[in-house]
Amino acid sequence: MPILLLFLTATSGCSSIKEIEIFKKEVERTPLKLDPPKPIKMDPVNWIIITKDNYEQVFENLKKNNKDVVLFGLTDDGYEQLSINFAQVRKYIILNRNVLMKYKDYYEGEEDGGGDRSKK
């Protein structure tokens, strides 16, 4: 008798479990409304190369033009490192621009869930 009671309890308990409905509803993406960054307008920089042969003339020209005689010096190795640093900054900006464009394509792309604007 206890086995029959246990069997009936176990089988009737399973009938009270409701089947869970699982469905998939695509959520519409909210447009980011981001314009690509505009290029930076940079002012020109006047580089003066000073050597042991021209430093007196350079200082004289600076004084004549009412400019302070101040030196910011780089060695040739330092200038090369400065160029490498600027190249790394440029690479970083390009990488982040590409990430931004991918997000924009994902959120604002074609009806099928995104498009790749880089190929258009």
Protein backbone atom coordinates (compact mmCIF):
# COMPACT_ATOMS: atom_id res chain seq x y z
CA MET A 1 0.00 0.00 0.00
CA PRO A 2 2.73 2.57 0.80
CA ILE A 3 4.32 1.89 -2.58
CA LEU A 4 1.01 2.52 -4.37
CA LEU A 5 0.49 5.75 -2.39
CA LEU A 6 4.01 6.91 -3.26
CA PHE A 7 3.45 6.06 -6.94
CA LEU A 8 0.14 7.97 -7.08
CA THR A 9 1.66 10.99 -5.35
CA ALA A 10 4.63 11.05 -7.69
CA THR A 11 2.52 10.75 -10.86
CA SER A 12 -0.13 13.26 -9.80
CA GLY A 13 2.56 15.75 -8.74
CA CYS A 14 3.98 15.81 -12.26
CA SER A 15 0.64 16.73 -13.77
CA SER A 16 0.58 20.04 -11.88
CA ILE A 17 3.74 21.28 -13.63
CA LYS A 18 2.90 23.79 -16.31
CA GLU A 19 4.74 23.81 -19.56
CA ILE A 20 6.80 26.93 -19.98
CA GLU A 21 6.47 28.71 -23.28
CA ILE A 22 9.68 30.08 -24.61
CA PHE A 23 9.54 32.57 -27.40
CA LYS A 24 11.96 34.85 -29.09
CA LYS A 25 11.01 38.41 -29.80
CA GLU A 26 13.52 40.63 -31.54
CA VAL A 27 13.85 43.97 -29.84
CA GLU A 28 14.13 46.93 -32.17
CA ARG A 29 17.50 48.63 -31.91
CA THR A 30 17.52 52.26 -30.91
CA PRO A 31 19.49 54.35 -33.42
CA LEU A 32 22.64 55.88 -31.94
CA LYS A 33 22.34 59.03 -34.07
CA LEU A 34 26.09 59.54 -34.04
CA ASP A 35 27.86 61.45 -36.75
CA PRO A 36 31.40 60.42 -37.51
CA PRO A 37 33.93 62.71 -35.86
CA LYS A 38 35.04 65.60 -38.01
CA PRO A 39 38.71 65.83 -38.90
CA ILE A 40 40.78 67.99 -36.59
CA LYS A 41 41.94 71.27 -38.08
CA MET A 42 45.44 71.73 -36.78
CA ASP A 43 47.42 74.94 -36.96
CA PRO A 44 50.78 74.74 -38.66
CA VAL A 45 53.89 74.45 -36.53
CA ASN A 46 57.06 76.23 -37.63
CA TRP A 47 59.99 73.93 -37.04
CA ILE A 48 63.43 75.49 -36.91
CA ILE A 49 66.38 73.18 -37.24
CA ILE A 50 69.29 74.50 -35.21
CA THR A 51 72.76 73.17 -35.77
CA LYS A 52 76.18 74.22 -34.55
CA ASP A 53 76.61 76.05 -37.86
CA ASN A 54 73.40 78.16 -37.79
CA TYR A 55 72.51 78.78 -34.14
CA GLU A 56 73.82 82.36 -34.09
CA GLN A 57 71.78 83.30 -37.18
CA VAL A 58 68.66 81.61 -35.77
CA PHE A 59 68.96 83.46 -32.44
CA GLU A 60 69.53 86.75 -34.25
CA ASN A 61 66.42 86.20 -36.43
CA LEU A 62 64.32 85.37 -33.35
CA LYS A 63 65.43 88.55 -31.57
CA LYS A 64 64.80 90.62 -34.72
CA ASN A 65 61.20 89.28 -34.86
CA ASN A 66 60.63 89.98 -31.15
CA LYS A 67 60.47 86.30 -30.29
CA ASP A 68 61.81 84.88 -27.06
CA VAL A 69 64.89 82.76 -27.55
CA VAL A 70 63.74 79.48 -26.08
CA LEU A 71 64.83 76.02 -27.15
CA PHE A 72 62.83 72.83 -26.99
CA GLY A 73 65.29 70.25 -28.12
CA LEU A 74 65.11 66.72 -29.38
CA THR A 75 67.90 64.47 -30.43
CA ASP A 76 67.49 62.58 -33.69
CA ASP A 77 66.50 59.53 -31.62
CA GLY A 78 63.99 61.62 -29.66
CA TYR A 79 62.45 62.96 -32.88
CA GLU A 80 62.15 59.40 -34.19
CA GLN A 81 60.40 58.35 -30.96
CA LEU A 82 58.06 61.34 -31.26
CA SER A 83 57.15 60.18 -34.77
CA ILE A 84 56.51 56.64 -33.51
CA ASN A 85 54.30 58.00 -30.71
CA PHE A 86 52.24 60.04 -33.18
CA ALA A 87 51.85 56.94 -35.36
CA GLN A 88 50.57 55.01 -32.34
CA VAL A 89 48.07 57.78 -31.53
CA ARG A 90 46.89 57.75 -35.16
CA LYS A 91 46.49 53.95 -35.07
CA TYR A 92 44.51 54.23 -31.81
CA ILE A 93 42.19 56.84 -33.31
CA ILE A 94 41.61 54.73 -36.44
CA LEU A 95 40.87 51.65 -34.31
CA ASN A 96 38.34 53.52 -32.18
CA ARG A 97 36.73 55.06 -35.26
CA ASN A 98 36.27 51.55 -36.68
CA VAL A 99 34.71 50.35 -33.42
CA LEU A 100 32.36 53.34 -33.46
CA MET A 101 31.35 52.60 -37.06
CA LYS A 102 30.67 48.95 -36.21
CA TYR A 103 28.39 50.02 -33.35
CA LYS A 104 26.68 52.47 -35.67
CA ASP A 105 26.21 49.74 -38.31
CA TYR A 106 24.80 47.40 -35.69
CA TYR A 107 22.31 49.90 -34.32
CA GLU A 108 21.44 51.84 -37.47
CA GLY A 109 22.17 49.30 -40.19
CA GLU A 110 19.79 47.76 -42.68
CA GLU A 111 16.48 46.10 -41.77
CA ASP A 112 18.10 42.66 -41.54
CA GLY A 113 19.83 43.54 -38.30
CA GLY A 114 22.74 45.63 -39.39
CA GLY A 115 24.75 46.35 -42.40
CA ASP A 116 28.37 46.91 -43.16
CA ARG A 117 28.79 50.52 -44.32
CA SER A 118 32.48 50.06 -44.94
CA LYS A 119 31.65 48.02 -48.06
CA LYS A 120 29.14 50.54 -49.44
